[in-house]
């Protein structure tokens, strides 16, 4: 059974290589996490903008419906109703 000395140049290179690889993986993980967080922020902002647009449209539609309901009948509507009821 042979044992390898831990102070050999090969062992040192292996340790350095593993450390470099671990550091690279940490950097890649941080970059991926930052990208995911940025995407989450973008989604929240788009959702808030679209919700505001939807609420504004709903309010405008409701206001238009109320205005239509409260508006006095026009002469054209009265005439057409009289004509249709005379038949």
C-alpha atoms as a PDB file:
ATOM      1  CA  UNK A   1       0.000   0.000   0.000  1.00  0.00           C
ATOM      2  CA  UNK A   2       1.434   3.296  -1.028  1.00  0.00           C
ATOM      3  CA  UNK A   3       0.529   6.644   0.440  1.00  0.00           C
ATOM      4  CA  UNK A   4       0.944   9.936  -1.319  1.00  0.00           C
ATOM      5  CA  UNK A   5       2.568  12.718   0.602  1.00  0.00           C
ATOM      6  CA  UNK A   6       0.297  15.702   1.093  1.00  0.00           C
ATOM      7  CA  UNK A   7       3.041  18.231   0.447  1.00  0.00           C
ATOM      8  CA  UNK A   8       3.769  17.049  -3.089  1.00  0.00           C
ATOM      9  CA  UNK A   9       3.431  19.514  -5.939  1.00  0.00           C
ATOM     10  CA  UNK A  10       0.572  17.460  -7.405  1.00  0.00           C
ATOM     11  CA  UNK A  11      -1.384  17.618  -4.166  1.00  0.00           C
ATOM     12  CA  UNK A  12      -0.834  21.353  -3.958  1.00  0.00           C
ATOM     13  CA  UNK A  13      -2.094  21.764  -7.529  1.00  0.00           C
ATOM     14  CA  UNK A  14      -5.168  19.654  -6.762  1.00  0.00           C
ATOM     15  CA  UNK A  15      -5.981  21.767  -3.728  1.00  0.00           C
ATOM     16  CA  UNK A  16      -5.494  24.992  -5.671  1.00  0.00           C
ATOM     17  CA  UNK A  17      -7.600  23.683  -8.545  1.00  0.00           C
ATOM     18  CA  UNK A  18     -10.423  22.682  -6.203  1.00  0.00           C
ATOM     19  CA  UNK A  19     -10.295  26.077  -4.512  1.00  0.00           C
ATOM     20  CA  UNK A  20     -10.386  27.891  -7.845  1.00  0.00           C
ATOM     21  CA  UNK A  21     -13.292  25.756  -9.022  1.00  0.00           C
ATOM     22  CA  UNK A  22     -15.190  26.391  -5.797  1.00  0.00           C
ATOM     23  CA  UNK A  23     -14.603  30.141  -6.134  1.00  0.00           C
ATOM     24  CA  UNK A  24     -15.819  30.060  -9.755  1.00  0.00           C
ATOM     25  CA  UNK A  25     -18.963  28.197  -8.715  1.00  0.00           C
ATOM     26  CA  UNK A  26     -19.624  30.746  -5.956  1.00  0.00           C
ATOM     27  CA  UNK A  27     -19.303  33.610  -8.439  1.00  0.00           C
ATOM     28  CA  UNK A  28     -21.614  31.868 -10.919  1.00  0.00           C
ATOM     29  CA  UNK A  29     -24.150  31.182  -8.171  1.00  0.00           C
ATOM     30  CA  UNK A  30     -24.097  34.827  -7.055  1.00  0.00           C
ATOM     31  CA  UNK A  31     -24.552  35.978 -10.658  1.00  0.00           C
ATOM     32  CA  UNK A  32     -27.478  33.606 -11.161  1.00  0.00           C
ATOM     33  CA  UNK A  33     -29.057  34.755  -7.905  1.00  0.00           C
ATOM     34  CA  UNK A  34     -28.722  38.415  -8.889  1.00  0.00           C
ATOM     35  CA  UNK A  35     -30.325  37.666 -12.262  1.00  0.00           C
ATOM     36  CA  UNK A  36     -33.208  35.838 -10.598  1.00  0.00           C
ATOM     37  CA  UNK A  37     -33.771  38.711  -8.173  1.00  0.00           C
ATOM     38  CA  UNK A  38     -33.706  41.238 -11.020  1.00  0.00           C
ATOM     39  CA  UNK A  39     -36.280  39.171 -12.898  1.00  0.00           C
ATOM     40  CA  UNK A  40     -38.496  39.038  -9.799  1.00  0.00           C
ATOM     41  CA  UNK A  41     -38.332  42.819  -9.463  1.00  0.00           C
ATOM     42  CA  UNK A  42     -39.178  43.254 -13.151  1.00  0.00           C
ATOM     43  CA  UNK A  43     -42.163  40.910 -12.843  1.00  0.00           C
ATOM     44  CA  UNK A  44     -43.449  42.768  -9.778  1.00  0.00           C
ATOM     45  CA  UNK A  45     -43.099  46.121 -11.567  1.00  0.00           C
ATOM     46  CA  UNK A  46     -44.898  44.855 -14.687  1.00  0.00           C
ATOM     47  CA  UNK A  47     -47.648  43.343 -12.548  1.00  0.00           C
ATOM     48  CA  UNK A  48     -48.137  46.597 -10.649  1.00  0.00           C
ATOM     49  CA  UNK A  49     -48.252  48.600 -13.897  1.00  0.00           C
ATOM     50  CA  UNK A  50     -50.747  46.246 -15.505  1.00  0.00           C
ATOM     51  CA  UNK A  51     -52.910  46.211 -12.372  1.00  0.00           C
ATOM     52  CA  UNK A  52     -52.971  50.010 -12.328  1.00  0.00           C
ATOM     53  CA  UNK A  53     -53.993  50.059 -16.000  1.00  0.00           C
ATOM     54  CA  UNK A  54     -56.728  47.475 -15.377  1.00  0.00           C
ATOM     55  CA  UNK A  55     -58.108  49.380 -12.385  1.00  0.00           C
ATOM     56  CA  UNK A  56     -58.090  52.638 -14.347  1.00  0.00           C
ATOM     57  CA  UNK A  57     -59.947  50.992 -17.227  1.00  0.00           C
ATOM     58  CA  UNK A  58     -62.506  49.459 -14.883  1.00  0.00           C
ATOM     59  CA  UNK A  59     -63.082  52.842 -13.225  1.00  0.00           C
ATOM     60  CA  UNK A  60     -63.467  54.540 -16.620  1.00  0.00           C
ATOM     61  CA  UNK A  61     -65.900  51.847 -17.785  1.00  0.00           C
ATOM     62  CA  UNK A  62     -67.931  52.229 -14.607  1.00  0.00           C
ATOM     63  CA  UNK A  63     -67.990  56.012 -14.962  1.00  0.00           C
ATOM     64  CA  UNK A  64     -69.109  55.686 -18.593  1.00  0.00           C
ATOM     65  CA  UNK A  65     -71.871  53.272 -17.600  1.00  0.00           C
ATOM     66  CA  UNK A  66     -73.102  55.655 -14.906  1.00  0.00           C
ATOM     67  CA  UNK A  67     -72.968  58.601 -17.298  1.00  0.00           C
ATOM     68  CA  UNK A  68     -74.930  56.639 -19.879  1.00  0.00           C
ATOM     69  CA  UNK A  69     -77.512  55.645 -17.295  1.00  0.00           C
ATOM     70  CA  UNK A  70     -77.956  59.230 -16.046  1.00  0.00           C
ATOM     71  CA  UNK A  71     -77.883  60.894 -19.488  1.00  0.00           C
ATOM     72  CA  UNK A  72     -81.254  62.179 -20.686  1.00  0.00           C
ATOM     73  CA  UNK A  73     -82.744  60.391 -23.637  1.00  0.00           C
ATOM     74  CA  UNK A  74     -82.048  62.083 -26.919  1.00  0.00           C
ATOM     75  CA  UNK A  75     -84.701  63.062 -29.425  1.00  0.00           C
ATOM     76  CA  UNK A  76     -83.574  60.355 -31.834  1.00  0.00           C
ATOM     77  CA  UNK A  77     -84.183  57.677 -29.233  1.00  0.00           C
ATOM     78  CA  UNK A  78     -87.657  59.053 -28.455  1.00  0.00           C
ATOM     79  CA  UNK A  79     -88.647  59.234 -32.130  1.00  0.00           C
ATOM     80  CA  UNK A  80     -87.474  55.710 -32.880  1.00  0.00           C
ATOM     81  CA  UNK A  81     -89.378  54.427 -29.873  1.00  0.00           C
ATOM     82  CA  UNK A  82     -92.570  56.184 -30.981  1.00  0.00           C
ATOM     83  CA  UNK A  83     -92.259  54.771 -34.493  1.00  0.00           C
ATOM     84  CA  UNK A  84     -91.722  51.235 -33.265  1.00  0.00           C
ATOM     85  CA  UNK A  85     -94.646  51.421 -30.832  1.00  0.00           C
ATOM     86  CA  UNK A  86     -97.003  52.807 -33.546  1.00  0.00           C
ATOM     87  CA  UNK A  87     -96.647  49.694 -35.692  1.00  0.00           C
END
